[in-house]
């Protein structure tokens, strides 16, 4: 994967994450404790939906940080090289995840 294609995919994914944040904003809102209009089980269900939405938001934030870091590496000419051992990251790994910052060996702990 060349750098232009990687940059395009990273920016597109970041925009997709932003859109997912906008869409799920209502699910992350505090759950009202209105005794008259919502039963106890409905509130528990709403709280569970809220917890899952907050966890998804946290995962999106972590992915967004990886994307921003990858874009910085692209700007600095360091993209495609393992941040741990300095070896080139496999083409297949970068095609799968252009935000990857480590080779498979370092990511799996095989190298130290």
PDB file of N, CA and C in Angstrom:
ATOM      1  N   UNK A   1       0.862  -1.177   0.000  1.00  0.00           N
ATOM      2  CA  UNK A   1       0.000   0.000   0.000  1.00  0.00           C
ATOM      3  C   UNK A   1       0.903   1.232   0.000  1.00  0.00           C
ATOM      4  N   UNK A   2       0.619   2.145  -0.908  1.00  0.00           N
ATOM      5  CA  UNK A   2       1.445   3.348  -0.938  1.00  0.00           C
ATOM      6  C   UNK A   2       0.936   4.363   0.084  1.00  0.00           C
ATOM      7  N   UNK A   3       1.737   5.387   0.328  1.00  0.00           N
ATOM      8  CA  UNK A   3       1.429   6.350   1.383  1.00  0.00           C
ATOM      9  C   UNK A   3       0.159   7.150   1.098  1.00  0.00           C
ATOM     10  N   UNK A   4      -0.066   7.494  -0.176  1.00  0.00           N
ATOM     11  CA  UNK A   4      -1.282   8.254  -0.514  1.00  0.00           C
ATOM     12  C   UNK A   4      -2.542   7.433  -0.235  1.00  0.00           C
ATOM     13  N   UNK A   5      -2.511   6.163  -0.591  1.00  0.00           N
ATOM     14  CA  UNK A   5      -3.661   5.291  -0.331  1.00  0.00           C
ATOM     15  C   UNK A   5      -3.869   5.117   1.169  1.00  0.00           C
ATOM     16  N   UNK A   6      -2.782   4.985   1.903  1.00  0.00           N
ATOM     17  CA  UNK A   6      -2.878   4.843   3.359  1.00  0.00           C
ATOM     18  C   UNK A   6      -3.474   6.111   3.967  1.00  0.00           C
ATOM     19  N   UNK A   7      -2.986   7.264   3.547  1.00  0.00           N
ATOM     20  CA  UNK A   7      -3.505   8.533   4.073  1.00  0.00           C
ATOM     21  C   UNK A   7      -5.013   8.650   3.788  1.00  0.00           C
ATOM     22  N   UNK A   8      -5.408   8.305   2.571  1.00  0.00           N
ATOM     23  CA  UNK A   8      -6.827   8.367   2.199  1.00  0.00           C
ATOM     24  C   UNK A   8      -7.666   7.451   3.086  1.00  0.00           C
ATOM     25  N   UNK A   9      -7.228   6.223   3.290  1.00  0.00           N
ATOM     26  CA  UNK A   9      -7.980   5.276   4.131  1.00  0.00           C
ATOM     27  C   UNK A   9      -8.047   5.747   5.575  1.00  0.00           C
ATOM     28  N   UNK A  10      -6.934   6.273   6.096  1.00  0.00           N
ATOM     29  CA  UNK A  10      -6.906   6.743   7.480  1.00  0.00           C
ATOM     30  C   UNK A  10      -7.857   7.923   7.683  1.00  0.00           C
ATOM     31  N   UNK A  11      -7.844   8.872   6.767  1.00  0.00           N
ATOM     32  CA  UNK A  11      -8.714  10.037   6.890  1.00  0.00           C
ATOM     33  C   UNK A  11     -10.181   9.621   6.751  1.00  0.00           C
ATOM     34  N   UNK A  12     -10.467   8.722   5.811  1.00  0.00           N
ATOM     35  CA  UNK A  12     -11.838   8.239   5.635  1.00  0.00           C
ATOM     36  C   UNK A  12     -12.331   7.526   6.892  1.00  0.00           C
ATOM     37  N   UNK A  13     -11.479   6.721   7.503  1.00  0.00           N
ATOM     38  CA  UNK A  13     -11.878   6.006   8.724  1.00  0.00           C
ATOM     39  C   UNK A  13     -12.090   6.980   9.871  1.00  0.00           C
ATOM     40  N   UNK A  14     -11.240   8.006   9.967  1.00  0.00           N
ATOM     41  CA  UNK A  14     -11.402   9.004  11.030  1.00  0.00           C
ATOM     42  C   UNK A  14     -12.741   9.724  10.863  1.00  0.00           C
ATOM     43  N   UNK A  15     -13.106  10.055   9.637  1.00  0.00           N
ATOM     44  CA  UNK A  15     -14.396  10.695   9.381  1.00  0.00           C
ATOM     45  C   UNK A  15     -15.547   9.763   9.728  1.00  0.00           C
ATOM     46  N   UNK A  16     -15.378   8.483   9.438  1.00  0.00           N
ATOM     47  CA  UNK A  16     -16.412   7.503   9.779  1.00  0.00           C
ATOM     48  C   UNK A  16     -16.576   7.415  11.299  1.00  0.00           C
ATOM     49  N   UNK A  17     -15.478   7.430  12.037  1.00  0.00           N
ATOM     50  CA  UNK A  17     -15.547   7.407  13.500  1.00  0.00           C
ATOM     51  C   UNK A  17     -16.258   8.643  14.034  1.00  0.00           C
ATOM     52  N   UNK A  18     -15.974   9.801  13.445  1.00  0.00           N
ATOM     53  CA  UNK A  18     -16.647  11.031  13.864  1.00  0.00           C
ATOM     54  C   UNK A  18     -18.153  10.922  13.643  1.00  0.00           C
ATOM     55  N   UNK A  19     -18.547  10.364  12.505  1.00  0.00           N
ATOM     56  CA  UNK A  19     -19.968  10.185  12.202  1.00  0.00           C
ATOM     57  C   UNK A  19     -20.614   9.207  13.187  1.00  0.00           C
ATOM     58  N   UNK A  20     -19.921   8.121  13.517  1.00  0.00           N
ATOM     59  CA  UNK A  20     -20.446   7.164  14.494  1.00  0.00           C
ATOM     60  C   UNK A  20     -20.628   7.829  15.852  1.00  0.00           C
ATOM     61  N   UNK A  21     -19.720   8.730  16.232  1.00  0.00           N
ATOM     62  CA  UNK A  21     -19.868   9.469  17.487  1.00  0.00           C
ATOM     63  C   UNK A  21     -21.126  10.327  17.461  1.00  0.00           C
ATOM     64  N   UNK A  22     -21.361  11.022  16.343  1.00  0.00           N
ATOM     65  CA  UNK A  22     -22.552  11.870  16.236  1.00  0.00           C
ATOM     66  C   UNK A  22     -23.831  11.031  16.323  1.00  0.00           C
ATOM     67  N   UNK A  23     -23.838   9.899  15.652  1.00  0.00           N
ATOM     68  CA  UNK A  23     -25.027   9.049  15.624  1.00  0.00           C
ATOM     69  C   UNK A  23     -25.342   8.474  17.003  1.00  0.00           C
ATOM     70  N   UNK A  24     -24.323   8.105  17.744  1.00  0.00           N
ATOM     71  CA  UNK A  24     -24.549   7.435  19.028  1.00  0.00           C
ATOM     72  C   UNK A  24     -24.627   8.396  20.208  1.00  0.00           C
ATOM     73  N   UNK A  25     -24.616   9.683  19.970  1.00  0.00           N
ATOM     74  CA  UNK A  25     -24.640  10.657  21.064  1.00  0.00           C
ATOM     75  C   UNK A  25     -25.842  10.464  21.980  1.00  0.00           C
ATOM     76  N   UNK A  26     -26.996  10.196  21.412  1.00  0.00           N
ATOM     77  CA  UNK A  26     -28.205  10.028  22.217  1.00  0.00           C
ATOM     78  C   UNK A  26     -28.097   8.801  23.123  1.00  0.00           C
ATOM     79  N   UNK A  27     -27.473   7.734  22.647  1.00  0.00           N
ATOM     80  CA  UNK A  27     -27.346   6.508  23.441  1.00  0.00           C
ATOM     81  C   UNK A  27     -26.432   6.697  24.643  1.00  0.00           C
ATOM     82  N   UNK A  28     -25.529   7.678  24.551  1.00  0.00           N
ATOM     83  CA  UNK A  28     -24.591   7.916  25.645  1.00  0.00           C
ATOM     84  C   UNK A  28     -25.117   8.901  26.675  1.00  0.00           C
ATOM     85  N   UNK A  29     -26.270   9.485  26.411  1.00  0.00           N
ATOM     86  CA  UNK A  29     -26.844  10.484  27.312  1.00  0.00           C
ATOM     87  C   UNK A  29     -27.231   9.834  28.641  1.00  0.00           C
ATOM     88  N   UNK A  30     -27.222  10.625  29.716  1.00  0.00           N
ATOM     89  CA  UNK A  30     -27.631  10.078  31.017  1.00  0.00           C
ATOM     90  C   UNK A  30     -29.050   9.507  30.955  1.00  0.00           C
ATOM     91  N   UNK A  31     -29.270   8.458  31.708  1.00  0.00           N
ATOM     92  CA  UNK A  31     -30.580   7.797  31.749  1.00  0.00           C
ATOM     93  C   UNK A  31     -31.439   8.483  32.795  1.00  0.00           C
ATOM     94  N   UNK A  32     -32.613   8.929  32.373  1.00  0.00           N
ATOM     95  CA  UNK A  32     -33.542   9.600  33.275  1.00  0.00           C
ATOM     96  C   UNK A  32     -34.142   8.590  34.252  1.00  0.00           C
ATOM     97  N   UNK A  33     -34.383   9.037  35.455  1.00  0.00           N
ATOM     98  CA  UNK A  33     -34.965   8.174  36.484  1.00  0.00           C
ATOM     99  C   UNK A  33     -36.428   8.543  36.721  1.00  0.00           C
ATOM    100  N   UNK A  34     -37.179   8.637  35.660  1.00  0.00           N
ATOM    101  CA  UNK A  34     -38.599   8.997  35.756  1.00  0.00           C
ATOM    102  C   UNK A  34     -39.413   7.766  36.151  1.00  0.00           C
ATOM    103  N   UNK A  35     -39.857   7.724  37.378  1.00  0.00           N
ATOM    104  CA  UNK A  35     -40.586   6.574  37.911  1.00  0.00           C
ATOM    105  C   UNK A  35     -41.927   6.358  37.220  1.00  0.00           C
ATOM    106  N   UNK A  36     -42.580   7.422  36.821  1.00  0.00           N
ATOM    107  CA  UNK A  36     -43.925   7.301  36.261  1.00  0.00           C
ATOM    108  C   UNK A  36     -43.938   6.804  34.822  1.00  0.00           C
ATOM    109  N   UNK A  37     -42.974   7.237  34.012  1.00  0.00           N
ATOM    110  CA  UNK A  37     -43.048   6.927  32.584  1.00  0.00           C
ATOM    111  C   UNK A  37     -42.215   5.719  32.171  1.00  0.00           C
ATOM    112  N   UNK A  38     -41.261   5.334  32.983  1.00  0.00           N
ATOM    113  CA  UNK A  38     -40.377   4.228  32.608  1.00  0.00           C
ATOM    114  C   UNK A  38     -40.274   3.253  33.777  1.00  0.00           C
ATOM    115  N   UNK A  39     -40.495   1.995  33.493  1.00  0.00           N
ATOM    116  CA  UNK A  39     -40.392   0.989  34.540  1.00  0.00           C
ATOM    117  C   UNK A  39     -38.947   0.682  34.890  1.00  0.00           C
ATOM    118  N   UNK A  40     -38.770  -0.033  35.980  1.00  0.00           N
ATOM    119  CA  UNK A  40     -37.434  -0.356  36.470  1.00  0.00           C
ATOM    120  C   UNK A  40     -36.629  -1.155  35.453  1.00  0.00           C
ATOM    121  N   UNK A  41     -37.234  -2.161  34.820  1.00  0.00           N
ATOM    122  CA  UNK A  41     -36.520  -2.967  33.833  1.00  0.00           C
ATOM    123  C   UNK A  41     -36.158  -2.148  32.598  1.00  0.00           C
ATOM    124  N   UNK A  42     -37.036  -1.232  32.215  1.00  0.00           N
ATOM    125  CA  UNK A  42     -36.735  -0.366  31.072  1.00  0.00           C
ATOM    126  C   UNK A  42     -35.558   0.535  31.382  1.00  0.00           C
ATOM    127  N   UNK A  43     -35.487   1.049  32.617  1.00  0.00           N
ATOM    128  CA  UNK A  43     -34.341   1.882  33.023  1.00  0.00           C
ATOM    129  C   UNK A  43     -33.068   1.068  33.017  1.00  0.00           C
ATOM    130  N   UNK A  44     -33.146  -0.168  33.508  1.00  0.00           N
ATOM    131  CA  UNK A  44     -31.959  -1.034  33.522  1.00  0.00           C
ATOM    132  C   UNK A  44     -31.494  -1.311  32.098  1.00  0.00           C
ATOM    133  N   UNK A  45     -32.432  -1.546  31.198  1.00  0.00           N
ATOM    134  CA  UNK A  45     -32.096  -1.766  29.802  1.00  0.00           C
ATOM    135  C   UNK A  45     -31.449  -0.514  29.205  1.00  0.00           C
ATOM    136  N   UNK A  46     -32.017   0.648  29.501  1.00  0.00           N
ATOM    137  CA  UNK A  46     -31.465   1.908  28.998  1.00  0.00           C
ATOM    138  C   UNK A  46     -30.058   2.132  29.543  1.00  0.00           C
ATOM    139  N   UNK A  47     -29.834   1.777  30.802  1.00  0.00           N
ATOM    140  CA  UNK A  47     -28.497   1.936  31.395  1.00  0.00           C
ATOM    141  C   UNK A  47     -27.498   0.986  30.744  1.00  0.00           C
ATOM    142  N   UNK A  48     -27.941  -0.216  30.397  1.00  0.00           N
ATOM    143  CA  UNK A  48     -27.066  -1.158  29.716  1.00  0.00           C
ATOM    144  C   UNK A  48     -26.719  -0.648  28.314  1.00  0.00           C
ATOM    145  N   UNK A  49     -27.706  -0.113  27.608  1.00  0.00           N
ATOM    146  CA  UNK A  49     -27.456   0.458  26.279  1.00  0.00           C
ATOM    147  C   UNK A  49     -26.470   1.612  26.398  1.00  0.00           C
ATOM    148  N   UNK A  50     -26.650   2.441  27.428  1.00  0.00           N
ATOM    149  CA  UNK A  50     -25.741   3.571  27.647  1.00  0.00           C
ATOM    150  C   UNK A  50     -24.317   3.078  27.915  1.00  0.00           C
ATOM    151  N   UNK A  51     -24.164   2.048  28.743  1.00  0.00           N
ATOM    152  CA  UNK A  51     -22.835   1.520  29.054  1.00  0.00           C
ATOM    153  C   UNK A  51     -22.157   0.964  27.800  1.00  0.00           C
ATOM    154  N   UNK A  52     -22.925   0.287  26.971  1.00  0.00           N
ATOM    155  CA  UNK A  52     -22.345  -0.250  25.732  1.00  0.00           C
ATOM    156  C   UNK A  52     -21.958   0.883  24.789  1.00  0.00           C
ATOM    157  N   UNK A  53     -22.765   1.935  24.720  1.00  0.00           N
ATOM    158  CA  UNK A  53     -22.453   3.079  23.860  1.00  0.00           C
ATOM    159  C   UNK A  53     -21.201   3.796  24.354  1.00  0.00           C
ATOM    160  N   UNK A  54     -21.044   3.926  25.665  1.00  0.00           N
ATOM    161  CA  UNK A  54     -19.854   4.567  26.217  1.00  0.00           C
ATOM    162  C   UNK A  54     -18.600   3.734  25.942  1.00  0.00           C
ATOM    163  N   UNK A  55     -18.717   2.414  26.037  1.00  0.00           N
ATOM    164  CA  UNK A  55     -17.584   1.540  25.739  1.00  0.00           C
ATOM    165  C   UNK A  55     -17.202   1.641  24.259  1.00  0.00           C
ATOM    166  N   UNK A  56     -18.201   1.708  23.389  1.00  0.00           N
ATOM    167  CA  UNK A  56     -17.927   1.855  21.954  1.00  0.00           C
ATOM    168  C   UNK A  56     -17.259   3.196  21.676  1.00  0.00           C
ATOM    169  N   UNK A  57     -17.690   4.235  22.376  1.00  0.00           N
ATOM    170  CA  UNK A  57     -17.068   5.557  22.210  1.00  0.00           C
ATOM    171  C   UNK A  57     -15.595   5.507  22.622  1.00  0.00           C
ATOM    172  N   UNK A  58     -15.312   4.793  23.701  1.00  0.00           N
ATOM    173  CA  UNK A  58     -13.930   4.666  24.169  1.00  0.00           C
ATOM    174  C   UNK A  58     -13.067   3.937  23.132  1.00  0.00           C
ATOM    175  N   UNK A  59     -13.625   2.885  22.520  1.00  0.00           N
ATOM    176  CA  UNK A  59     -12.889   2.157  21.472  1.00  0.00           C
ATOM    177  C   UNK A  59     -12.651   3.054  20.262  1.00  0.00           C
ATOM    178  N   UNK A  60     -13.656   3.851  19.897  1.00  0.00           N
ATOM    179  CA  UNK A  60     -13.487   4.771  18.767  1.00  0.00           C
ATOM    180  C   UNK A  60     -12.422   5.815  19.064  1.00  0.00           C
ATOM    181  N   UNK A  61     -12.382   6.315  20.300  1.00  0.00           N
ATOM    182  CA  UNK A  61     -11.366   7.305  20.675  1.00  0.00           C
ATOM    183  C   UNK A  61      -9.963   6.707  20.578  1.00  0.00           C
ATOM    184  N   UNK A  62      -9.805   5.460  21.016  1.00  0.00           N
ATOM    185  CA  UNK A  62      -8.497   4.800  20.929  1.00  0.00           C
ATOM    186  C   UNK A  62      -8.092   4.602  19.466  1.00  0.00           C
ATOM    187  N   UNK A  63      -9.055   4.201  18.631  1.00  0.00           N
ATOM    188  CA  UNK A  63      -8.751   4.020  17.209  1.00  0.00           C
ATOM    189  C   UNK A  63      -8.402   5.355  16.569  1.00  0.00           C
ATOM    190  N   UNK A  64      -9.118   6.408  16.955  1.00  0.00           N
ATOM    191  CA  UNK A  64      -8.843   7.737  16.413  1.00  0.00           C
ATOM    192  C   UNK A  64      -7.418   8.168  16.782  1.00  0.00           C
ATOM    193  N   UNK A  65      -6.971   7.870  17.996  1.00  0.00           N
ATOM    194  CA  UNK A  65      -5.605   8.201  18.409  1.00  0.00           C
ATOM    195  C   UNK A  65      -4.582   7.454  17.559  1.00  0.00           C
ATOM    196  N   UNK A  66      -4.852   6.173  17.259  1.00  0.00           N
ATOM    197  CA  UNK A  66      -3.941   5.404  16.399  1.00  0.00           C
ATOM    198  C   UNK A  66      -3.890   6.003  14.994  1.00  0.00           C
ATOM    199  N   UNK A  67      -5.036   6.460  14.507  1.00  0.00           N
ATOM    200  CA  UNK A  67      -5.091   7.065  13.171  1.00  0.00           C
ATOM    201  C   UNK A  67      -4.287   8.362  13.140  1.00  0.00           C
ATOM    202  N   UNK A  68      -4.468   9.214  14.139  1.00  0.00           N
ATOM    203  CA  UNK A  68      -3.730  10.477  14.200  1.00  0.00           C
ATOM    204  C   UNK A  68      -2.224  10.200  14.270  1.00  0.00           C
ATOM    205  N   UNK A  69      -1.831   9.219  15.067  1.00  0.00           N
ATOM    206  CA  UNK A  69      -0.409   8.868  15.164  1.00  0.00           C
ATOM    207  C   UNK A  69       0.121   8.374  13.820  1.00  0.00           C
ATOM    208  N   UNK A  70      -0.676   7.601  13.100  1.00  0.00           N
ATOM    209  CA  UNK A  70      -0.253   7.102  11.787  1.00  0.00           C
ATOM    210  C   UNK A  70      -0.117   8.249  10.791  1.00  0.00           C
ATOM    211  N   UNK A  71      -1.028   9.212  10.849  1.00  0.00           N
ATOM    212  CA  UNK A  71      -0.930  10.372   9.960  1.00  0.00           C
ATOM    213  C   UNK A  71       0.329  11.186  10.266  1.00  0.00           C
ATOM    214  N   UNK A  72       0.687  11.292  11.525  1.00  0.00           N
ATOM    215  CA  UNK A  72       1.930  11.983  11.903  1.00  0.00           C
ATOM    216  C   UNK A  72       3.135  11.224  11.350  1.00  0.00           C
ATOM    217  N   UNK A  73       3.109   9.876  11.489  1.00  0.00           N
ATOM    218  CA  UNK A  73       4.214   9.077  10.940  1.00  0.00           C
ATOM    219  C   UNK A  73       4.319   9.252   9.425  1.00  0.00           C
ATOM    220  N   UNK A  74       3.177   9.349   8.740  1.00  0.00           N
ATOM    221  CA  UNK A  74       3.194   9.600   7.303  1.00  0.00           C
ATOM    222  C   UNK A  74       3.868  10.937   6.999  1.00  0.00           C
ATOM    223  N   UNK A  75       3.505  11.977   7.756  1.00  0.00           N
ATOM    224  CA  UNK A  75       4.086  13.304   7.550  1.00  0.00           C
ATOM    225  C   UNK A  75       5.587  13.319   7.820  1.00  0.00           C
ATOM    226  N   UNK A  76       6.018  12.499   8.769  1.00  0.00           N
ATOM    227  CA  UNK A  76       7.435  12.465   9.150  1.00  0.00           C
ATOM    228  C   UNK A  76       8.247  11.454   8.350  1.00  0.00           C
ATOM    229  N   UNK A  77       7.596  10.715   7.454  1.00  0.00           N
ATOM    230  CA  UNK A  77       8.312   9.711   6.659  1.00  0.00           C
ATOM    231  C   UNK A  77       8.650   8.445   7.431  1.00  0.00           C
ATOM    232  N   UNK A  78       7.957   8.211   8.536  1.00  0.00           N
ATOM    233  CA  UNK A  78       8.225   7.044   9.379  1.00  0.00           C
ATOM    234  C   UNK A  78       7.160   5.957   9.246  1.00  0.00           C
ATOM    235  N   UNK A  79       6.126   6.194   8.435  1.00  0.00           N
ATOM    236  CA  UNK A  79       5.039   5.239   8.298  1.00  0.00           C
ATOM    237  C   UNK A  79       5.546   3.981   7.586  1.00  0.00           C
ATOM    238  N   UNK A  80       5.114   2.832   8.066  1.00  0.00           N
ATOM    239  CA  UNK A  80       5.502   1.563   7.451  1.00  0.00           C
ATOM    240  C   UNK A  80       6.706   0.919   8.109  1.00  0.00           C
ATOM    241  N   UNK A  81       7.247   1.581   9.120  1.00  0.00           N
ATOM    242  CA  UNK A  81       8.396   1.039   9.852  1.00  0.00           C
ATOM    243  C   UNK A  81       7.996   0.815  11.291  1.00  0.00           C
ATOM    244  N   UNK A  82       8.409  -0.301  11.852  1.00  0.00           N
ATOM    245  CA  UNK A  82       8.057  -0.677  13.225  1.00  0.00           C
ATOM    246  C   UNK A  82       8.646   0.325  14.212  1.00  0.00           C
ATOM    247  N   UNK A  83       7.799   0.830  15.099  1.00  0.00           N
ATOM    248  CA  UNK A  83       8.244   1.799  16.106  1.00  0.00           C
ATOM    249  C   UNK A  83       9.084   1.138  17.190  1.00  0.00           C
ATOM    250  N   UNK A  84       9.050  -0.182  17.279  1.00  0.00           N
ATOM    251  CA  UNK A  84       9.793  -0.884  18.317  1.00  0.00           C
ATOM    252  C   UNK A  84      11.163  -1.339  17.829  1.00  0.00           C
ATOM    253  N   UNK A  85      11.189  -2.089  16.714  1.00  0.00           N
ATOM    254  CA  UNK A  85      12.454  -2.678  16.252  1.00  0.00           C
ATOM    255  C   UNK A  85      13.047  -1.972  15.036  1.00  0.00           C
ATOM    256  N   UNK A  86      12.249  -1.124  14.377  1.00  0.00           N
ATOM    257  CA  UNK A  86      12.748  -0.394  13.226  1.00  0.00           C
ATOM    258  C   UNK A  86      12.660  -1.142  11.903  1.00  0.00           C
ATOM    259  N   UNK A  87      12.194  -2.385  11.937  1.00  0.00           N
ATOM    260  CA  UNK A  87      12.058  -3.172  10.705  1.00  0.00           C
ATOM    261  C   UNK A  87      10.818  -2.724   9.935  1.00  0.00           C
ATOM    262  N   UNK A  88      10.791  -3.041   8.659  1.00  0.00           N
ATOM    263  CA  UNK A  88       9.648  -2.696   7.827  1.00  0.00           C
ATOM    264  C   UNK A  88       8.434  -3.540   8.224  1.00  0.00           C
ATOM    265  N   UNK A  89       7.273  -2.905   8.285  1.00  0.00           N
ATOM    266  CA  UNK A  89       6.027  -3.611   8.593  1.00  0.00           C
ATOM    267  C   UNK A  89       5.537  -4.264   7.304  1.00  0.00           C
ATOM    268  N   UNK A  90       5.088  -5.506   7.404  1.00  0.00           N
ATOM    269  CA  UNK A  90       4.645  -6.267   6.236  1.00  0.00           C
ATOM    270  C   UNK A  90       3.518  -5.555   5.496  1.00  0.00           C
ATOM    271  N   UNK A  91       3.585  -5.609   4.178  1.00  0.00           N
ATOM    272  CA  UNK A  91       2.580  -4.989   3.310  1.00  0.00           C
ATOM    273  C   UNK A  91       1.165  -5.454   3.659  1.00  0.00           C
ATOM    274  N   UNK A  92       1.005  -6.749   3.889  1.00  0.00           N
ATOM    275  CA  UNK A  92      -0.331  -7.288   4.206  1.00  0.00           C
ATOM    276  C   UNK A  92      -0.866  -6.691   5.503  1.00  0.00           C
ATOM    277  N   UNK A  93      -0.009  -6.493   6.478  1.00  0.00           N
ATOM    278  CA  UNK A  93      -0.428  -5.903   7.754  1.00  0.00           C
ATOM    279  C   UNK A  93      -0.883  -4.455   7.541  1.00  0.00           C
ATOM    280  N   UNK A  94      -0.147  -3.711   6.735  1.00  0.00           N
ATOM    281  CA  UNK A  94      -0.513  -2.326   6.476  1.00  0.00           C
ATOM    282  C   UNK A  94      -1.787  -2.223   5.646  1.00  0.00           C
ATOM    283  N   UNK A  95      -1.997  -3.171   4.724  1.00  0.00           N
ATOM    284  CA  UNK A  95      -3.246  -3.173   3.960  1.00  0.00           C
ATOM    285  C   UNK A  95      -4.429  -3.435   4.889  1.00  0.00           C
ATOM    286  N   UNK A  96      -4.226  -4.348   5.835  1.00  0.00           N
ATOM    287  CA  UNK A  96      -5.292  -4.672   6.784  1.00  0.00           C
ATOM    288  C   UNK A  96      -5.548  -3.503   7.741  1.00  0.00           C
ATOM    289  N   UNK A  97      -4.475  -2.893   8.243  1.00  0.00           N
ATOM    290  CA  UNK A  97      -4.598  -1.805   9.213  1.00  0.00           C
ATOM    291  C   UNK A  97      -3.509  -0.771   8.954  1.00  0.00           C
ATOM    292  N   UNK A  98      -3.816   0.277   8.182  1.00  0.00           N
ATOM    293  CA  UNK A  98      -2.793   1.272   7.879  1.00  0.00           C
ATOM    294  C   UNK A  98      -2.318   2.058   9.104  1.00  0.00           C
ATOM    295  N   UNK A  99      -3.003   1.916  10.242  1.00  0.00           N
ATOM    296  CA  UNK A  99      -2.550   2.602  11.453  1.00  0.00           C
ATOM    297  C   UNK A  99      -1.584   1.754  12.275  1.00  0.00           C
ATOM    298  N   UNK A 100      -1.255   0.556  11.801  1.00  0.00           N
ATOM    299  CA  UNK A 100      -0.341  -0.325  12.543  1.00  0.00           C
ATOM    300  C   UNK A 100       1.007   0.369  12.740  1.00  0.00           C
ATOM    301  N   UNK A 101       1.505   0.314  13.961  1.00  0.00           N
ATOM    302  CA  UNK A 101       2.778   0.963  14.265  1.00  0.00           C
ATOM    303  C   UNK A 101       3.881  -0.035  14.595  1.00  0.00           C
ATOM    304  N   UNK A 102       3.537  -1.319  14.624  1.00  0.00           N
ATOM    305  CA  UNK A 102       4.513  -2.356  14.940  1.00  0.00           C
ATOM    306  C   UNK A 102       4.408  -3.490  13.935  1.00  0.00           C
ATOM    307  N   UNK A 103       5.542  -4.165  13.726  1.00  0.00           N
ATOM    308  CA  UNK A 103       5.526  -5.375  12.913  1.00  0.00           C
ATOM    309  C   UNK A 103       4.812  -6.478  13.698  1.00  0.00           C
ATOM    310  N   UNK A 104       4.488  -7.546  13.048  1.00  0.00           N
ATOM    311  CA  UNK A 104       3.764  -8.638  13.713  1.00  0.00           C
ATOM    312  C   UNK A 104       4.573  -9.195  14.882  1.00  0.00           C
ATOM    313  N   UNK A 105       5.872  -9.353  14.692  1.00  0.00           N
ATOM    314  CA  UNK A 105       6.717  -9.909  15.750  1.00  0.00           C
ATOM    315  C   UNK A 105       6.680  -9.073  17.023  1.00  0.00           C
ATOM    316  N   UNK A 106       6.806  -7.758  16.891  1.00  0.00           N
ATOM    317  CA  UNK A 106       6.790  -6.881  18.062  1.00  0.00           C
ATOM    318  C   UNK A 106       5.402  -6.773  18.656  1.00  0.00           C
ATOM    319  N   UNK A 107       4.386  -6.717  17.809  1.00  0.00           N
ATOM    320  CA  UNK A 107       3.012  -6.619  18.302  1.00  0.00           C
ATOM    321  C   UNK A 107       2.587  -7.856  19.085  1.00  0.00           C
ATOM    322  N   UNK A 108       3.113  -9.010  18.678  1.00  0.00           N
ATOM    323  CA  UNK A 108       2.746 -10.255  19.368  1.00  0.00           C
ATOM    324  C   UNK A 108       3.660 -10.565  20.537  1.00  0.00           C
ATOM    325  N   UNK A 109       4.700  -9.772  20.717  1.00  0.00           N
ATOM    326  CA  UNK A 109       5.626  -9.990  21.825  1.00  0.00           C
ATOM    327  C   UNK A 109       6.734 -10.979  21.524  1.00  0.00           C
ATOM    328  N   UNK A 110       6.844 -11.417  20.267  1.00  0.00           N
ATOM    329  CA  UNK A 110       7.894 -12.359  19.903  1.00  0.00           C
ATOM    330  C   UNK A 110       9.262 -11.709  19.914  1.00  0.00           C
ATOM    331  N   UNK A 111       9.289 -10.404  19.652  1.00  0.00           N
ATOM    332  CA  UNK A 111      10.546  -9.637  19.693  1.00  0.00           C
ATOM    333  C   UNK A 111      10.500  -8.728  20.901  1.00  0.00           C
ATOM    334  N   UNK A 112      11.647  -8.436  21.429  1.00  0.00           N
ATOM    335  CA  UNK A 112      11.680  -7.502  22.582  1.00  0.00           C
ATOM    336  C   UNK A 112      12.606  -6.368  22.305  1.00  0.00           C
TER     337      UNK A 112
END
